[in-house]
Amino acid sequence: MKIICVGDAYVTLDMLKNGVEPYIKHDDEIKYFFFGEENRVDMRDTVKAIEAMKCDEIAIPNELYQEITDADLLIVHLCPVTKALLKCAKKLKAIMSCRGGNENIDVQFATEMGIIVSTNPAHNANAVAEYTVGLILCETRNISRADRSLKNGIWREKYPNTVSTILEIKDLTIGIIGFGSVGRLVAEKLSVFGCEILICDPYISESAYDFINFRFVDMDTLLSKSDVITLHARSKTSIIGKEEFLKMKSTSYLINTARSVLVDSDALFEALDKHMIMGAAIDVFETEPVIPEKYKQYDNITITNHRGGDTINSYKDAPTFAIQNYFEYLSGGRLRFWVNKKELAGKL
């Protein structure tokens, strides 16, 4: 088997080697390539272009076009896998991505060629879930505000939520929108606090999950009953806008560690200006690294610079998962996060 691994500033070549090579047989051939800029700061524009579906405009290592002609397996993170590259892949059987999204892969053309595409949405799921719980605590208990005040020489005892009472998590109802890899982990972690957990996800069957003390509800119920609403869905358009804010409690908090597009920022600012909600914690922005000045004007927003999934675990463990996942499939097991399973499962 010939395997091609393409690393970058996030999933480095060393991570790929450490993750993949323990599973390689002596007669396997493996090639490594580096894609993109040398560091994460310089990679920002490239990542934005990928997420904006502009992969055809991004240069990839020229050697890939030749090396992929006889490759069986391709393991990538951010490197674009375009139609032009796939046309060269005469023997390729699978593309195993180390990331959750597939914006960098031409899934449609890969499917036409009979090539499996599998992603890894769980690669940073635990990191984001932990961070989400941290932001809930930080915002509802005024942790970052207290820190800033003390550093400015102020012993602060009154906060935006002081009048409405500052509740412990055990007394809150927390609504989770999106019950994929991250949402489920958030629910599991929050369950130990003893709070009520509401779930809204139209793509998930309630009967499949009965091991956590939560219940599935419709969107309107979640919005109106939750003290904290945390977003873990995927969408190309906003799912929280003016109408949704009107349905939320005036004492509620909104947490977004998923994607900026999920929240209409103008509607969020209006909700804060008119006291339609108590506060928010935001880790993702429509423009990064320079964010709109408006976010900095509110005392009742905790803002962080897209740190939710940024742990060493989320990157270094991804190559191991990719190779394990594919080899398990070759052994007759289940291929996890198979993007084009519906189209290919009965043909391979």
Protein backbone atom coordinates (compact mmCIF):
# COMPACT_ATOMS: atom_id res chain seq x y z
CA MET A 1 0.00 0.00 0.00
CA LYS A 2 1.23 3.48 -0.85
CA ILE A 3 0.21 6.16 1.62
CA ILE A 4 0.58 9.91 1.17
CA CYS A 5 0.42 12.16 4.24
CA VAL A 6 0.16 15.93 3.92
CA GLY A 7 0.84 17.98 7.04
CA ASP A 8 0.73 21.68 7.79
CA ALA A 9 1.38 24.17 10.59
CA TYR A 10 -1.35 22.56 12.71
CA VAL A 11 -0.99 18.83 12.09
CA THR A 12 2.77 18.78 11.66
CA LEU A 13 4.88 16.23 9.83
CA ASP A 14 6.16 14.92 13.16
CA MET A 15 2.59 14.38 14.32
CA LEU A 16 1.81 12.51 11.11
CA LYS A 17 4.87 10.32 11.45
CA ASN A 18 4.23 9.55 15.11
CA GLY A 19 0.59 8.80 14.45
CA VAL A 20 0.82 6.78 11.25
CA GLU A 21 4.11 4.88 11.25
CA PRO A 22 3.31 2.49 14.14
CA TYR A 23 0.62 0.99 11.89
CA ILE A 24 2.68 0.70 8.70
CA LYS A 25 3.80 -2.70 7.44
CA HIS A 26 7.33 -3.27 6.16
CA ASP A 27 6.22 -3.42 2.53
CA ASP A 28 4.11 -0.25 2.68
CA GLU A 29 5.40 2.93 1.05
CA ILE A 30 4.77 6.27 2.71
CA LYS A 31 5.43 9.80 1.49
CA TYR A 32 5.19 13.03 3.47
CA PHE A 33 4.50 16.53 2.19
CA PHE A 34 4.04 19.93 3.83
CA PHE A 35 1.25 22.26 2.77
CA GLY A 36 0.84 25.97 3.34
CA GLU A 37 2.69 28.55 5.37
CA GLU A 38 5.16 27.64 8.07
CA ASN A 39 3.20 28.94 11.07
CA ARG A 40 -0.40 29.34 12.18
CA VAL A 41 -0.42 33.13 12.02
CA ASP A 42 0.56 33.13 8.36
CA MET A 43 -1.96 30.32 7.71
CA ARG A 44 -4.97 32.42 8.72
CA ASP A 45 -5.78 33.69 5.23
CA THR A 46 -5.32 30.21 3.78
CA VAL A 47 -7.71 28.71 6.32
CA LYS A 48 -10.26 31.44 5.59
CA ALA A 49 -10.00 30.73 1.86
CA ILE A 50 -10.54 27.01 2.49
CA GLU A 51 -13.60 27.64 4.64
CA ALA A 52 -14.90 30.00 1.95
CA MET A 53 -14.70 27.11 -0.56
CA LYS A 54 -11.90 28.70 -2.60
CA CYS A 55 -9.61 25.66 -2.70
CA ASP A 56 -9.01 25.90 -6.43
CA GLU A 57 -7.21 29.19 -5.82
CA ILE A 58 -4.79 27.71 -3.30
CA ALA A 59 -1.42 26.28 -4.32
CA ILE A 60 -0.52 22.77 -3.14
CA PRO A 61 2.84 20.97 -3.35
CA ASN A 62 3.54 20.28 -7.03
CA GLU A 63 4.98 16.84 -6.20
CA LEU A 64 1.56 15.68 -5.05
CA TYR A 65 0.26 15.51 -8.62
CA GLN A 66 2.90 12.93 -9.52
CA GLU A 67 3.02 10.99 -6.25
CA ILE A 68 -0.73 10.54 -6.02
CA THR A 69 -0.94 8.69 -9.33
CA ASP A 70 -0.23 5.32 -7.71
CA ALA A 71 -1.25 6.09 -4.11
CA ASP A 72 -3.84 3.97 -2.30
CA LEU A 73 -4.50 6.20 0.70
CA LEU A 74 -4.31 9.96 1.24
CA ILE A 75 -4.22 11.43 4.77
CA VAL A 76 -4.61 15.22 4.93
CA HIS A 77 -5.56 17.98 7.27
CA LEU A 78 -5.97 21.34 5.52
CA CYS A 79 -4.40 20.63 2.14
CA PRO A 80 -6.96 21.06 -0.66
CA VAL A 81 -7.90 17.85 -2.46
CA THR A 82 -9.23 19.33 -5.66
CA LYS A 83 -10.71 17.86 -8.81
CA ALA A 84 -7.43 18.55 -10.60
CA LEU A 85 -5.50 16.52 -8.00
CA LEU A 86 -8.04 13.70 -7.93
CA LYS A 87 -7.87 13.33 -11.71
CA CYS A 88 -4.27 12.21 -11.21
CA ALA A 89 -5.22 9.63 -8.57
CA LYS A 90 -5.58 6.46 -10.64
CA LYS A 91 -5.52 4.01 -7.71
CA LEU A 92 -6.69 6.09 -4.75
CA LYS A 93 -9.20 4.27 -2.55
CA ALA A 94 -9.67 6.63 0.38
CA ILE A 95 -9.10 10.16 1.65
CA MET A 96 -8.86 10.31 5.42
CA SER A 97 -9.09 13.86 6.74
CA CYS A 98 -7.72 14.84 10.14
CA ARG A 99 -10.27 17.65 10.49
CA GLY A 100 -14.00 17.80 11.02
CA GLY A 101 -15.02 19.79 7.96
CA ASN A 102 -14.63 18.68 4.36
CA GLU A 103 -14.45 22.11 2.71
CA ASN A 104 -10.94 21.34 1.46
CA ILE A 105 -12.02 18.14 -0.33
CA ASP A 106 -13.98 17.86 -3.57
CA VAL A 107 -16.29 15.21 -2.13
CA GLN A 108 -18.54 15.13 -5.17
CA PHE A 109 -15.75 14.31 -7.60
CA ALA A 110 -14.16 11.85 -5.18
CA THR A 111 -17.50 10.07 -4.99
CA GLU A 112 -17.74 9.96 -8.77
CA MET A 113 -14.34 8.27 -8.78
CA GLY A 114 -15.42 5.77 -6.11
CA ILE A 115 -13.04 7.20 -3.50
CA ILE A 116 -14.01 7.03 0.17
CA VAL A 117 -13.96 10.32 2.05
CA SER A 118 -13.86 10.22 5.84
CA THR A 119 -13.44 13.16 8.20
CA ASN A 120 -12.68 13.45 11.90
CA PRO A 121 -15.16 15.84 13.54
CA ALA A 122 -14.18 14.40 16.89
CA HIS A 123 -10.51 15.43 16.61
CA ASN A 124 -11.02 18.55 18.74
CA ALA A 125 -14.42 17.67 20.19
CA ASN A 126 -13.20 17.17 23.75
CA ALA A 127 -11.13 20.35 23.61
CA VAL A 128 -14.12 22.42 22.44
CA ALA A 129 -16.44 20.74 24.95
CA GLU A 130 -14.10 21.52 27.84
CA TYR A 131 -13.74 25.10 26.64
CA THR A 132 -17.50 25.48 26.35
CA VAL A 133 -18.01 24.45 29.96
CA GLY A 134 -15.26 26.88 30.91
CA LEU A 135 -16.99 29.73 29.09
CA ILE A 136 -20.32 28.93 30.75
CA LEU A 137 -18.64 29.20 34.15
CA CYS A 138 -16.65 32.25 33.12
CA GLU A 139 -19.67 34.19 31.87
CA THR A 140 -22.27 33.21 34.46
CA ARG A 141 -19.86 33.60 37.41
CA ASN A 142 -18.06 36.73 36.10
CA ILE A 143 -14.61 35.17 36.27
CA SER A 144 -12.92 37.19 33.52
CA ARG A 145 -14.64 40.41 34.63
CA ALA A 146 -13.38 39.95 38.17
CA ASP A 147 -9.88 39.27 36.84
CA ARG A 148 -9.87 42.42 34.69
CA SER A 149 -11.18 44.54 37.54
CA LEU A 150 -8.57 43.39 40.03
CA LYS A 151 -5.80 43.97 37.51
CA ASN A 152 -7.12 47.51 37.14
CA GLY A 153 -7.05 48.00 40.92
CA ILE A 154 -10.81 47.58 41.44
CA TRP A 155 -12.41 45.23 43.97
CA ARG A 156 -15.65 44.71 42.07
CA GLU A 157 -18.75 43.25 43.69
CA LYS A 158 -21.54 44.25 41.28
CA TYR A 159 -21.90 42.76 37.81
CA PRO A 160 -24.50 42.80 35.02
CA ASN A 161 -26.14 39.67 36.47
CA THR A 162 -25.94 40.62 40.16
CA VAL A 163 -29.53 41.89 40.39
CA SER A 164 -31.00 38.80 38.70
CA THR A 165 -28.98 36.59 41.06
CA ILE A 166 -25.88 34.60 40.16
CA LEU A 167 -26.88 30.96 40.04
CA GLU A 168 -24.78 27.82 40.24
CA ILE A 169 -24.81 25.51 37.23
CA LYS A 170 -26.79 22.92 39.18
CA ASP A 171 -29.75 25.32 39.21
CA LEU A 172 -29.58 26.17 35.50
CA THR A 173 -31.31 24.73 32.47
CA ILE A 174 -28.78 24.45 29.67
CA GLY A 175 -29.86 24.12 26.05
CA ILE A 176 -27.55 22.48 23.55
CA ILE A 177 -28.24 23.17 19.87
CA GLY A 178 -26.52 20.50 17.79
CA PHE A 179 -25.85 17.06 19.22
CA GLY A 180 -22.86 15.87 17.24
CA SER A 181 -19.46 14.98 18.64
CA VAL A 182 -19.03 18.23 20.56
CA GLY A 183 -22.62 18.62 21.73
CA ARG A 184 -22.69 15.13 23.21
CA LEU A 185 -19.46 15.70 25.11
CA VAL A 186 -20.77 18.99 26.46
CA ALA A 187 -23.87 17.18 27.69
CA GLU A 188 -21.79 14.47 29.34
CA LYS A 189 -19.53 16.97 31.08
CA LEU A 190 -22.42 19.13 32.24
CA SER A 191 -24.37 16.15 33.55
CA VAL A 192 -22.08 15.89 36.58
CA PHE A 193 -23.17 19.38 37.67
CA GLY A 194 -26.74 18.16 38.13
CA CYS A 195 -28.32 20.74 35.83
CA GLU A 196 -31.24 20.15 33.48
CA ILE A 197 -30.09 19.65 29.88
CA LEU A 198 -32.24 20.28 26.82
CA ILE A 199 -31.20 19.10 23.35
CA CYS A 200 -32.34 20.34 19.95
CA ASP A 201 -31.07 18.51 16.87
CA PRO A 202 -33.47 17.53 14.07
CA TYR A 203 -31.00 14.96 12.73
CA ILE A 204 -30.67 12.90 15.91
CA SER A 205 -33.05 10.27 17.26
CA GLU A 206 -33.80 10.64 20.97
CA SER A 207 -34.11 6.87 21.43
CA ALA A 208 -30.44 6.41 20.58
CA TYR A 209 -29.27 8.35 23.63
CA ASP A 210 -30.67 7.49 27.03
CA PHE A 211 -27.50 7.47 29.12
CA ILE A 212 -27.54 11.11 30.13
CA ASN A 213 -30.15 13.02 32.10
CA PHE A 214 -31.42 15.23 29.30
CA ARG A 215 -34.42 15.49 27.01
CA PHE A 216 -34.95 16.35 23.38
CA VAL A 217 -37.13 19.39 22.68
CA ASP A 218 -38.03 21.58 19.72
CA MET A 219 -36.21 24.83 19.07
CA ASP A 220 -38.88 27.11 20.53
CA THR A 221 -38.96 25.14 23.77
CA LEU A 222 -35.19 25.19 24.09
CA LEU A 223 -35.03 28.92 23.46
CA SER A 224 -37.75 29.79 25.96
CA LYS A 225 -36.75 27.39 28.75
CA SER A 226 -32.94 27.57 28.76
CA ASP A 227 -30.85 29.71 31.08
CA VAL A 228 -27.78 29.04 28.95
CA ILE A 229 -27.83 28.20 25.23
CA THR A 230 -24.69 26.76 23.67
CA LEU A 231 -24.24 26.22 19.93
CA HIS A 232 -22.65 23.12 18.41
CA ALA A 233 -24.29 22.91 14.99
CA ARG A 234 -23.05 23.26 11.44
CA SER A 235 -24.80 25.71 9.13
CA LYS A 236 -23.96 28.12 6.35
CA THR A 237 -26.53 30.62 7.65
CA SER A 238 -27.41 31.99 11.06
CA ILE A 239 -29.66 29.98 13.34
CA ILE A 240 -29.79 32.59 16.11
CA GLY A 241 -31.20 35.92 14.97
CA LYS A 242 -33.65 38.57 16.12
CA GLU A 243 -36.64 36.19 16.29
CA GLU A 244 -34.68 33.68 18.36
CA PHE A 245 -33.44 36.32 20.80
CA LEU A 246 -37.03 37.46 21.34
CA LYS A 247 -37.91 33.94 22.49
CA MET A 248 -35.04 33.68 24.97
CA LYS A 249 -35.22 34.55 28.65
CA SER A 250 -34.03 38.04 29.54
CA THR A 251 -31.75 36.33 32.09
CA SER A 252 -30.26 33.85 29.61
CA TYR A 253 -26.76 33.56 28.16
CA LEU A 254 -25.62 32.60 24.67
CA ILE A 255 -22.39 30.64 24.16
CA ASN A 256 -20.83 30.19 20.71
CA THR A 257 -17.70 28.07 20.30
CA ALA A 258 -18.82 26.66 16.94
CA ARG A 259 -18.92 29.04 13.98
CA SER A 260 -19.50 32.78 13.77
CA VAL A 261 -22.12 32.44 11.04
CA LEU A 262 -24.48 30.70 13.48
CA VAL A 263 -25.24 34.01 15.21
CA ASP A 264 -26.44 37.19 13.53
CA SER A 265 -24.05 39.63 15.20
CA ASP A 266 -26.28 42.66 14.63
CA ALA A 267 -29.14 40.82 16.28
CA LEU A 268 -26.84 39.88 19.17
CA PHE A 269 -25.85 43.50 19.71
CA GLU A 270 -29.51 44.55 19.63
CA ALA A 271 -30.37 41.81 22.13
CA LEU A 272 -27.68 43.10 24.49
CA ASP A 273 -28.60 46.75 23.98
CA LYS A 274 -32.27 46.06 24.74
CA HIS A 275 -31.53 43.63 27.60
CA MET A 276 -33.23 40.78 25.76
CA ILE A 277 -30.56 38.43 27.17
CA MET A 278 -28.23 38.65 30.15
CA GLY A 279 -24.93 38.02 28.38
CA ALA A 280 -22.86 36.00 25.95
CA ALA A 281 -19.54 34.24 25.51
CA ILE A 282 -18.12 34.25 21.99
CA ASP A 283 -15.02 32.42 20.74
CA VAL A 284 -15.55 32.77 16.96
CA PHE A 285 -15.93 35.90 14.87
CA GLU A 286 -16.87 36.82 11.32
CA THR A 287 -13.52 38.60 10.94
CA GLU A 288 -10.37 37.24 12.54
CA PRO A 289 -7.93 38.24 13.93
CA VAL A 290 -9.35 41.79 13.83
CA ILE A 291 -12.82 41.63 15.33
CA PRO A 292 -15.57 44.30 15.16
CA GLU A 293 -15.06 47.00 17.80
CA LYS A 294 -18.67 46.61 18.89
CA TYR A 295 -17.84 43.38 20.75
CA LYS A 296 -15.44 45.28 23.00
CA GLN A 297 -18.08 47.75 24.17
CA TYR A 298 -20.11 45.35 26.30
CA ASP A 299 -19.44 44.49 29.90
CA ASN A 300 -21.62 41.38 29.64
CA ILE A 301 -19.72 39.55 26.87
CA THR A 302 -16.78 37.24 27.41
CA ILE A 303 -14.75 37.18 24.19
CA THR A 304 -11.86 34.85 23.38
CA ASN A 305 -9.73 34.51 20.28
CA HIS A 306 -10.88 31.21 18.72
CA ARG A 307 -9.17 29.01 21.30
CA GLY A 308 -11.83 26.33 21.72
CA GLY A 309 -10.12 23.52 19.84
CA ASP A 310 -6.55 24.63 20.37
CA THR A 311 -4.96 21.83 22.37
CA ILE A 312 -2.02 19.67 21.40
CA ASN A 313 -4.25 16.60 21.79
CA SER A 314 -6.69 17.74 19.11
CA TYR A 315 -3.94 17.77 16.48
CA LYS A 316 -1.47 15.08 17.49
CA ASP A 317 -4.13 12.37 17.94
CA ALA A 318 -5.84 13.00 14.59
CA PRO A 319 -3.41 11.07 12.33
CA THR A 320 -3.62 8.02 14.60
CA PHE A 321 -7.40 8.09 14.39
CA ALA A 322 -7.28 8.42 10.60
CA ILE A 323 -5.06 5.39 10.02
CA GLN A 324 -6.81 3.29 12.67
CA ASN A 325 -10.19 4.15 11.23
CA TYR A 326 -9.21 3.08 7.72
CA PHE A 327 -7.45 -0.12 8.75
CA GLU A 328 -10.43 -1.10 10.88
CA TYR A 329 -12.60 -0.66 7.80
CA LEU A 330 -10.23 -2.84 5.73
CA SER A 331 -10.59 -5.52 8.42
CA GLY A 332 -14.36 -5.51 8.07
CA GLY A 333 -15.14 -3.01 10.80
CA ARG A 334 -17.16 0.19 10.74
CA LEU A 335 -15.69 3.27 9.07
CA ARG A 336 -16.49 6.24 11.26
CA PHE A 337 -17.49 9.63 9.83
CA TRP A 338 -17.77 8.26 6.29
CA VAL A 339 -18.92 11.32 4.36
CA ASN A 340 -20.04 9.61 1.12
CA LYS A 341 -21.19 6.31 2.61
CA LYS A 342 -24.69 6.59 1.17
CA GLU A 343 -23.33 6.82 -2.35
CA LEU A 344 -20.51 4.27 -2.08
CA ALA A 345 -21.31 1.71 0.62
CA GLY A 346 -23.00 -0.75 -1.73
CA LYS A 347 -20.50 -0.30 -4.56
CA LEU A 348 -17.16 -1.06 -2.90
